[in-house]
């Protein structure tokens, strides 16, 4: 997703100031992902959220997004 986001920003420089990618959660790849963001010079456009968001606030967060992606290797039914 991060690499695809970089391609989008490179092809559409006019949206660079307006578009953000939020990555929510923690895990064993967190450090690698943050390093990738730095290497691709995307620190102004990609925000890592590593604090818990209460369930009652999730609808507001979802409504502020144009696109929601939830990759998972442990959710077999796709029920986010």
Protein backbone atom coordinates (compact mmCIF):
# COMPACT_ATOMS: atom_id res chain seq x y z
CA UNK A 1 0.00 0.00 0.00
CA UNK A 2 2.81 2.42 0.85
CA UNK A 3 4.55 1.81 -2.47
CA UNK A 4 1.28 2.23 -4.37
CA UNK A 5 0.66 5.47 -2.49
CA UNK A 6 4.09 6.71 -3.58
CA UNK A 7 3.26 5.97 -7.23
CA UNK A 8 -0.02 7.87 -6.89
CA UNK A 9 1.72 10.92 -5.45
CA UNK A 10 4.46 10.83 -8.08
CA UNK A 11 1.91 10.73 -10.88
CA UNK A 12 -0.43 13.31 -9.33
CA UNK A 13 1.79 15.93 -7.72
CA UNK A 14 -1.22 18.29 -7.59
CA UNK A 15 -2.79 16.24 -4.77
CA UNK A 16 0.31 15.87 -2.60
CA UNK A 17 -0.83 18.60 -0.18
CA UNK A 18 -4.33 17.18 0.25
CA UNK A 19 -3.99 13.43 0.53
CA UNK A 20 -3.06 11.38 3.59
CA UNK A 21 -2.66 7.71 4.30
CA UNK A 22 -3.33 6.64 7.87
CA UNK A 23 -1.91 3.35 9.10
CA UNK A 24 -3.52 2.13 12.29
CA UNK A 25 -2.04 -0.53 14.54
CA UNK A 26 1.17 -2.01 15.81
CA UNK A 27 3.04 -5.12 14.87
CA UNK A 28 6.32 -6.72 13.98
CA UNK A 29 6.58 -4.81 10.67
CA UNK A 30 6.00 -1.36 12.18
CA UNK A 31 9.68 -0.38 12.20
CA UNK A 32 10.17 -1.58 8.61
CA UNK A 33 7.10 0.32 7.42
CA UNK A 34 8.21 3.53 9.13
CA UNK A 35 11.66 3.19 7.58
CA UNK A 36 10.09 2.66 4.15
CA UNK A 37 8.01 5.82 4.58
CA UNK A 38 11.15 7.78 5.41
CA UNK A 39 13.10 6.33 2.46
CA UNK A 40 10.26 7.22 0.07
CA UNK A 41 10.02 10.76 1.51
CA UNK A 42 6.38 10.31 2.51
CA UNK A 43 6.52 11.41 6.14
CA UNK A 44 4.23 14.39 5.44
CA UNK A 45 1.62 12.21 3.77
CA UNK A 46 1.60 9.02 5.84
CA UNK A 47 0.53 9.06 9.46
CA UNK A 48 0.99 6.11 11.80
CA UNK A 49 -1.66 5.83 14.52
CA UNK A 50 -0.31 3.59 17.24
CA UNK A 51 -2.77 4.37 20.00
CA UNK A 52 -6.06 2.59 20.52
CA UNK A 53 -9.15 4.31 19.17
CA UNK A 54 -12.34 3.62 21.17
CA UNK A 55 -14.98 1.66 19.26
CA UNK A 56 -17.50 4.50 19.55
CA UNK A 57 -15.07 6.82 17.68
CA UNK A 58 -14.44 4.42 14.79
CA UNK A 59 -17.53 5.44 12.74
CA UNK A 60 -16.31 9.05 12.73
CA UNK A 61 -12.86 7.93 11.60
CA UNK A 62 -14.34 5.76 8.84
CA UNK A 63 -16.58 8.60 7.65
CA UNK A 64 -13.55 10.88 7.19
CA UNK A 65 -11.94 8.39 4.80
CA UNK A 66 -12.45 8.12 1.07
CA UNK A 67 -11.00 4.62 1.03
CA UNK A 68 -10.67 1.96 3.72
CA UNK A 69 -8.35 -1.04 3.39
CA UNK A 70 -7.96 -3.77 5.99
CA UNK A 71 -5.48 -6.43 4.99
CA UNK A 72 -5.44 -9.33 7.40
CA UNK A 73 -3.93 -12.76 7.65
CA UNK A 74 -6.08 -13.76 10.64
CA UNK A 75 -9.57 -12.54 9.62
CA UNK A 76 -10.93 -15.32 7.36
CA UNK A 77 -14.39 -13.82 6.85
CA UNK A 78 -13.52 -10.20 6.05
CA UNK A 79 -15.66 -8.76 8.83
CA UNK A 80 -13.86 -5.59 9.91
